[in-house]
Amino acid sequence: MLRYIAWRILVMVPTLVLISMLVFAIIELPPGDYFESYIQELRVLGEQADLQEIIELKARYGFDDPLPLRYFNWVTGMLHGDFGYSFDYRMPVSDVVGDRLFLTILVSVLTIAFTWIVAFPIGLYSATHQYSWGDYGLTFLGLIGIAIPQFMIAIIMMYFGNIWFGISIGHLMDLEYLGQPMSWDKAVSIAEHIWIPVIIIGTGGTAAMIRRLRANLLDELRKQYVTTARAKGLSPAKVVVKYPLRMALNFFIADIGSLLPAIISGAEITAIVLSLETTGPMLIRALQAQDMYLAGSFLMFLAFLTVVGVLISDIALALLDPRIRLDGTRRG
């Protein structure tokens, strides 16, 4: 196991290097840069840009340097904790992300908890009561949850919230607390607002997880070892929980590789619709504006979380399921 972990960590280094090259190339691929887009945007608004300031910023951050040198400076800066400067927000990237990163992690962790808490009992019930009225009803609701996009659910809830209850759904806090330091009143406001985006974002994932858990558990319940356990007189609850449910959880563990980056990126489109103060809309804005340091730092962080998540899921799968061997050998 330790050999495998050490080898995977070594493989992560060239993987992240290749990803960093790809990210840098994608960001640099569109013609021009942030400053050209900024000048054009000001001209459309009928304003004039401070060309002297732009020339100084270009010189300071090496926009006139060759691309290989710019890539090298960007990567070495990140290794030293310098994620660059966000030209769109006029401040260092680490200061821009700040509160948004905390709120994104909070929303995503609560969404994952909501998804698992709801999906586990429903999926277990559907699998053990196959073709019952409850199974049909939950399956129907699950299909609706999968079919309707999250942003559409957000729009529907915003509409009916305004028409039926006269409330405005959106943001993660009252507007008076935006940009303010954390306080007790702000924390209470976040707690009052956060459950709506958690339910909206978690709906699709919950429905999909119910379907997958039901299918995996039904597959395990049809196997010979379950029939043998029943023949030995084990209680129905013990027959289901002891082995079939444990084996059906493999896909939950395998999803860790995608869950970790999802915690940071969040549901971008839904966050835009609901005007959430998370990192998703900021990432999209950075890509649109060619704010290379902000966008590049986000994408590299997501890549890092992905490779770490895949490693964690592989190790956890080997610990959960004795049929999985990390060294490629067969048991027995």
Protein backbone atom coordinates (compact mmCIF):
# COMPACT_ATOMS: atom_id res chain seq x y z
CA MET A 1 0.00 0.00 0.00
CA LEU A 2 2.74 2.49 0.95
CA ARG A 3 4.62 1.69 -2.26
CA TYR A 4 1.51 2.31 -4.28
CA ILE A 5 0.82 5.64 -2.52
CA ALA A 6 4.42 6.80 -3.04
CA TRP A 7 4.28 5.87 -6.72
CA ARG A 8 0.98 7.69 -7.24
CA ILE A 9 2.32 10.83 -5.55
CA LEU A 10 5.34 10.77 -7.86
CA VAL A 11 3.03 10.39 -10.87
CA MET A 12 1.03 13.42 -9.68
CA VAL A 13 3.98 15.74 -10.32
CA PRO A 14 4.30 15.27 -14.12
CA THR A 15 0.49 15.10 -14.33
CA LEU A 16 0.14 18.54 -12.75
CA VAL A 17 2.95 19.91 -14.90
CA LEU A 18 1.17 18.78 -18.06
CA ILE A 19 -2.12 20.19 -16.77
CA SER A 20 -0.45 23.53 -16.00
CA MET A 21 0.87 23.69 -19.57
CA LEU A 22 -2.58 22.94 -20.94
CA VAL A 23 -4.25 25.51 -18.66
CA PHE A 24 -1.72 28.19 -19.61
CA ALA A 25 -2.14 27.42 -23.31
CA ILE A 26 -5.95 27.59 -23.10
CA ILE A 27 -5.85 30.92 -21.27
CA GLU A 28 -3.41 32.35 -23.79
CA LEU A 29 -5.21 30.89 -26.81
CA PRO A 30 -7.77 33.70 -27.37
CA PRO A 31 -6.30 36.70 -29.23
CA GLY A 32 -5.22 39.65 -27.12
CA ASP A 33 -5.12 39.80 -23.34
CA TYR A 34 -7.05 41.27 -20.42
CA PHE A 35 -5.83 44.80 -21.07
CA GLU A 36 -7.00 44.84 -24.68
CA SER A 37 -10.42 43.54 -23.59
CA TYR A 38 -10.51 46.16 -20.84
CA ILE A 39 -9.70 49.01 -23.25
CA GLN A 40 -12.39 47.86 -25.67
CA GLU A 41 -14.93 47.61 -22.85
CA LEU A 42 -14.19 51.17 -21.75
CA ARG A 43 -14.47 52.46 -25.31
CA VAL A 44 -17.92 50.88 -25.61
CA LEU A 45 -18.91 52.73 -22.44
CA GLY A 46 -17.47 55.96 -23.81
CA GLU A 47 -14.65 56.15 -21.27
CA GLN A 48 -10.89 56.41 -21.63
CA ALA A 49 -8.41 53.95 -20.13
CA ASP A 50 -5.33 55.01 -18.21
CA LEU A 51 -2.78 53.82 -20.78
CA GLN A 52 0.19 54.66 -18.56
CA GLU A 53 -1.16 52.42 -15.78
CA ILE A 54 -1.76 49.62 -18.29
CA ILE A 55 1.79 49.90 -19.65
CA GLU A 56 3.18 49.73 -16.10
CA LEU A 57 1.07 46.66 -15.23
CA LYS A 58 2.11 44.92 -18.44
CA ALA A 59 5.77 45.56 -17.68
CA ARG A 60 5.43 44.53 -14.03
CA TYR A 61 3.80 41.18 -14.85
CA GLY A 62 5.88 40.42 -17.94
CA PHE A 63 3.16 40.51 -20.58
CA ASP A 64 5.77 41.44 -23.16
CA ASP A 65 8.02 38.49 -22.23
CA PRO A 66 8.12 35.31 -24.34
CA LEU A 67 5.42 32.76 -23.50
CA PRO A 68 7.82 30.13 -22.06
CA LEU A 69 9.23 32.70 -19.63
CA ARG A 70 5.75 33.85 -18.63
CA TYR A 71 4.72 30.24 -18.01
CA PHE A 72 7.82 29.58 -15.92
CA ASN A 73 7.25 32.70 -13.79
CA TRP A 74 3.59 31.78 -13.29
CA VAL A 75 4.33 28.22 -12.15
CA THR A 76 7.25 29.12 -9.88
CA GLY A 77 5.15 31.89 -8.33
CA MET A 78 2.40 29.43 -7.42
CA LEU A 79 4.96 27.09 -5.86
CA HIS A 80 5.99 29.97 -3.58
CA GLY A 81 2.39 30.85 -2.68
CA ASP A 82 2.15 33.81 -5.07
CA PHE A 83 -0.95 33.21 -7.20
CA GLY A 84 -0.57 36.45 -9.08
CA TYR A 85 -2.63 39.58 -9.43
CA SER A 86 -6.27 39.84 -10.51
CA PHE A 87 -6.44 42.73 -12.96
CA ASP A 88 -10.23 42.65 -13.01
CA TYR A 89 -10.51 43.10 -9.23
CA ARG A 90 -7.28 45.12 -8.83
CA MET A 91 -5.96 43.03 -5.97
CA PRO A 92 -3.96 39.81 -5.37
CA VAL A 93 -5.73 36.58 -6.29
CA SER A 94 -5.56 35.25 -2.71
CA ASP A 95 -7.42 38.36 -1.47
CA VAL A 96 -10.05 38.09 -4.21
CA VAL A 97 -10.93 34.49 -3.43
CA GLY A 98 -11.06 34.93 0.38
CA ASP A 99 -14.68 34.88 1.61
CA ARG A 100 -16.01 33.40 -1.63
CA LEU A 101 -13.89 30.27 -1.15
CA PHE A 102 -15.23 29.81 2.39
CA LEU A 103 -18.84 30.26 1.25
CA THR A 104 -18.33 27.88 -1.69
CA ILE A 105 -16.92 25.18 0.57
CA LEU A 106 -19.78 25.71 3.03
CA VAL A 107 -22.47 25.43 0.34
CA SER A 108 -20.83 22.43 -1.32
CA VAL A 109 -20.22 20.47 1.90
CA LEU A 110 -23.81 21.03 3.03
CA THR A 111 -25.03 20.01 -0.44
CA ILE A 112 -23.02 16.78 -0.32
CA ALA A 113 -24.35 16.04 3.18
CA PHE A 114 -27.92 16.76 2.03
CA THR A 115 -27.45 14.51 -1.00
CA TRP A 116 -26.15 11.58 0.99
CA ILE A 117 -28.66 11.94 3.86
CA VAL A 118 -31.60 11.94 1.44
CA ALA A 119 -30.26 9.46 -1.14
CA PHE A 120 -29.19 6.65 1.21
CA PRO A 121 -32.54 5.81 2.85
CA ILE A 122 -34.55 6.37 -0.35
CA GLY A 123 -32.20 4.25 -2.47
CA LEU A 124 -32.17 1.53 0.17
CA TYR A 125 -35.97 1.53 0.36
CA SER A 126 -36.40 1.43 -3.43
CA ALA A 127 -34.01 -1.51 -3.78
CA THR A 128 -35.59 -3.56 -0.99
CA HIS A 129 -39.17 -2.75 -2.13
CA GLN A 130 -38.70 -3.20 -5.85
CA TYR A 131 -41.81 -2.59 -8.01
CA SER A 132 -43.86 -1.38 -5.03
CA TRP A 133 -45.93 1.81 -5.21
CA GLY A 134 -43.29 3.54 -3.11
CA ASP A 135 -40.58 2.44 -5.52
CA TYR A 136 -42.57 3.69 -8.53
CA GLY A 137 -43.30 7.02 -6.87
CA LEU A 138 -39.70 7.63 -5.77
CA THR A 139 -38.41 6.56 -9.19
CA PHE A 140 -40.77 9.03 -10.86
CA LEU A 141 -39.60 11.86 -8.60
CA GLY A 142 -35.99 10.87 -9.22
CA LEU A 143 -36.44 11.01 -12.98
CA ILE A 144 -37.99 14.48 -12.67
CA GLY A 145 -35.03 15.60 -10.55
CA ILE A 146 -32.58 14.33 -13.17
CA ALA A 147 -34.51 15.76 -16.12
CA ILE A 148 -34.94 19.33 -14.83
CA PRO A 149 -31.69 21.36 -14.82
CA GLN A 150 -30.69 22.93 -11.52
CA PHE A 151 -30.82 26.47 -12.88
CA MET A 152 -34.39 25.84 -14.07
CA ILE A 153 -35.39 24.71 -10.58
CA ALA A 154 -33.77 27.89 -9.25
CA ILE A 155 -35.80 30.05 -11.64
CA ILE A 156 -39.04 28.22 -10.72
CA MET A 157 -38.37 28.64 -6.98
CA MET A 158 -37.52 32.31 -7.45
CA TYR A 159 -40.78 32.85 -9.34
CA PHE A 160 -43.08 31.06 -6.90
CA GLY A 161 -41.21 32.45 -3.90
CA ASN A 162 -41.96 35.94 -5.16
CA ILE A 163 -45.58 35.23 -6.27
CA TRP A 164 -46.75 33.05 -3.38
CA PHE A 165 -44.70 34.23 -0.42
CA GLY A 166 -43.54 37.67 -1.49
CA ILE A 167 -39.90 36.87 -0.75
CA SER A 168 -36.84 37.36 -2.90
CA ILE A 169 -34.76 34.20 -3.30
CA GLY A 170 -31.11 34.80 -4.04
CA HIS A 171 -27.74 35.60 -2.48
CA LEU A 172 -26.30 33.80 0.52
CA MET A 173 -27.01 36.66 2.92
CA ASP A 174 -28.91 39.90 3.24
CA LEU A 175 -27.53 42.60 0.95
CA GLU A 176 -26.45 44.76 3.91
CA TYR A 177 -23.83 42.15 4.86
CA LEU A 178 -22.19 41.90 1.43
CA GLY A 179 -18.50 42.81 1.70
CA GLN A 180 -18.73 43.04 5.49
CA PRO A 181 -16.48 41.05 7.87
CA MET A 182 -17.96 37.96 9.48
CA SER A 183 -20.13 38.65 12.51
CA TRP A 184 -22.88 36.88 14.44
CA ASP A 185 -25.62 38.71 12.52
CA LYS A 186 -23.96 37.88 9.20
CA ALA A 187 -23.63 34.19 10.19
CA VAL A 188 -27.34 34.10 11.10
CA SER A 189 -28.21 35.70 7.76
CA ILE A 190 -26.12 33.08 5.91
CA ALA A 191 -27.86 30.28 7.85
CA GLU A 192 -31.26 31.69 6.85
CA HIS A 193 -30.37 31.91 3.15
CA ILE A 194 -28.13 28.91 2.55
CA TRP A 195 -30.72 26.12 2.70
CA ILE A 196 -32.42 27.18 -0.54
CA PRO A 197 -29.31 26.87 -2.78
CA VAL A 198 -28.36 23.65 -0.96
CA ILE A 199 -31.73 22.07 -1.84
CA ILE A 200 -31.66 23.39 -5.42
CA ILE A 201 -28.08 22.30 -6.15
CA GLY A 202 -28.54 18.98 -4.35
CA THR A 203 -31.73 17.98 -6.18
CA GLY A 204 -30.08 16.65 -9.34
CA GLY A 205 -27.26 14.91 -7.50
CA THR A 206 -29.67 13.32 -5.03
CA ALA A 207 -31.91 11.96 -7.77
CA ALA A 208 -28.95 10.52 -9.69
CA MET A 209 -27.45 8.99 -6.55
CA ILE A 210 -30.75 7.32 -5.63
CA ARG A 211 -30.90 5.69 -9.06
CA ARG A 212 -27.30 4.48 -8.88
CA LEU A 213 -27.62 3.16 -5.33
CA ARG A 214 -30.83 1.33 -6.22
CA ALA A 215 -29.28 -0.26 -9.33
CA ASN A 216 -26.07 -1.31 -7.56
CA LEU A 217 -27.90 -2.68 -4.54
CA LEU A 218 -30.36 -4.65 -6.68
CA ASP A 219 -27.42 -6.18 -8.53
CA GLU A 220 -25.81 -7.26 -5.25
CA LEU A 221 -29.07 -8.62 -3.79
CA ARG A 222 -29.38 -11.05 -6.72
CA LYS A 223 -25.99 -12.67 -6.07
CA GLN A 224 -25.48 -16.12 -4.63
CA TYR A 225 -23.91 -15.06 -1.33
CA VAL A 226 -27.09 -13.13 -0.44
CA THR A 227 -29.22 -16.22 -1.14
CA THR A 228 -26.89 -18.26 1.08
CA ALA A 229 -27.12 -15.70 3.88
CA ARG A 230 -30.91 -15.80 3.74
CA ALA A 231 -30.88 -19.59 3.74
CA LYS A 232 -28.81 -19.52 6.93
CA GLY A 233 -31.56 -17.56 8.64
CA LEU A 234 -29.98 -14.10 8.89
CA SER A 235 -32.46 -11.29 9.46
CA PRO A 236 -33.43 -9.29 6.33
CA ALA A 237 -31.83 -6.11 7.72
CA LYS A 238 -28.54 -7.88 8.43
CA VAL A 239 -28.53 -9.56 5.02
CA VAL A 240 -28.82 -6.19 3.29
CA VAL A 241 -26.50 -4.09 5.47
CA LYS A 242 -23.64 -6.49 6.16
CA TYR A 243 -22.43 -7.10 2.58
CA PRO A 244 -24.70 -5.94 -0.30
CA LEU A 245 -24.93 -2.33 0.93
CA ARG A 246 -21.20 -2.25 1.57
CA MET A 247 -20.43 -3.45 -1.94
CA ALA A 248 -22.98 -1.05 -3.45
CA LEU A 249 -21.15 1.90 -1.87
CA ASN A 250 -18.20 1.53 -4.24
CA PHE A 251 -19.47 4.21 -6.57
CA PHE A 252 -19.87 6.65 -3.65
CA ILE A 253 -16.19 6.25 -2.88
CA ALA A 254 -15.23 6.43 -6.56
CA ASP A 255 -16.98 9.81 -6.77
CA ILE A 256 -14.53 11.44 -4.35
CA GLY A 257 -12.31 12.36 -7.30
CA SER A 258 -15.09 14.55 -8.71
CA LEU A 259 -16.51 15.70 -5.37
CA LEU A 260 -13.38 17.55 -4.21
CA PRO A 261 -13.14 19.90 -7.21
CA ALA A 262 -16.93 20.29 -7.16
CA ILE A 263 -16.64 21.63 -3.60
CA ILE A 264 -14.58 24.57 -4.92
CA SER A 265 -16.12 25.19 -8.32
CA GLY A 266 -19.72 24.83 -7.18
CA ALA A 267 -22.73 24.86 -9.51
CA GLU A 268 -21.67 27.81 -11.66
CA ILE A 269 -24.84 28.39 -13.69
CA THR A 270 -27.11 27.98 -10.67
CA ALA A 271 -24.89 30.32 -8.67
CA ILE A 272 -25.23 32.97 -11.40
CA VAL A 273 -29.03 32.59 -11.48
CA LEU A 274 -29.28 32.87 -7.69
CA SER A 275 -26.57 35.58 -7.45
CA LEU A 276 -24.61 33.44 -4.98
CA GLU A 277 -21.36 34.82 -3.55
CA THR A 278 -19.38 31.71 -4.50
CA THR A 279 -16.33 31.09 -6.66
CA GLY A 280 -18.24 29.65 -9.65
CA PRO A 281 -19.39 32.99 -11.13
CA MET A 282 -15.98 34.46 -10.38
CA LEU A 283 -14.27 31.72 -12.39
CA ILE A 284 -16.57 32.26 -15.37
CA ARG A 285 -15.99 36.03 -15.19
CA ALA A 286 -12.22 35.50 -15.02
CA LEU A 287 -12.29 33.29 -18.12
CA GLN A 288 -14.43 35.77 -20.03
CA ALA A 289 -12.22 38.71 -19.09
CA GLN A 290 -8.97 36.76 -19.71
CA ASP A 291 -7.91 37.51 -16.13
CA MET A 292 -5.21 34.91 -16.50
CA TYR A 293 -3.81 34.74 -12.97
CA LEU A 294 -7.22 34.41 -11.34
CA ALA A 295 -8.54 31.88 -13.90
CA GLY A 296 -5.28 29.93 -14.01
CA SER A 297 -5.05 29.66 -10.22
CA PHE A 298 -8.63 28.38 -10.04
CA LEU A 299 -8.11 25.77 -12.74
CA MET A 300 -4.84 24.54 -11.25
CA PHE A 301 -6.42 24.25 -7.81
CA LEU A 302 -9.27 22.23 -9.31
CA ALA A 303 -6.77 19.99 -11.11
CA PHE A 304 -4.84 19.44 -7.87
CA LEU A 305 -8.03 18.52 -6.00
CA THR A 306 -8.98 16.11 -8.80
CA VAL A 307 -5.74 14.12 -8.72
CA VAL A 308 -5.76 14.07 -4.90
CA GLY A 309 -9.42 12.99 -4.89
CA VAL A 310 -8.76 10.15 -7.33
CA LEU A 311 -5.88 8.93 -5.12
CA ILE A 312 -8.06 9.05 -2.00
CA SER A 313 -10.91 7.21 -3.75
CA ASP A 314 -8.56 4.45 -5.00
CA ILE A 315 -7.16 3.88 -1.52
CA ALA A 316 -10.61 3.98 0.10
CA LEU A 317 -11.99 1.50 -2.44
CA ALA A 318 -9.20 -0.95 -1.65
CA LEU A 319 -9.97 -0.66 2.07
CA LEU A 320 -13.74 -0.99 1.57
CA ASP A 321 -13.82 -3.80 -0.96
CA PRO A 322 -11.42 -6.74 -0.41
CA ARG A 323 -11.91 -7.76 -4.07
CA ILE A 324 -9.92 -4.70 -5.19
CA ARG A 325 -6.15 -5.05 -5.14
CA LEU A 326 -3.84 -2.11 -5.71
CA ASP A 327 -0.88 -4.22 -6.79
CA GLY A 328 -2.75 -5.92 -9.65
CA THR A 329 -2.47 -9.43 -8.16
CA ARG A 330 -5.34 -11.87 -7.69
CA ARG A 331 -6.35 -13.21 -4.34
CA GLY A 332 -6.47 -16.82 -3.55
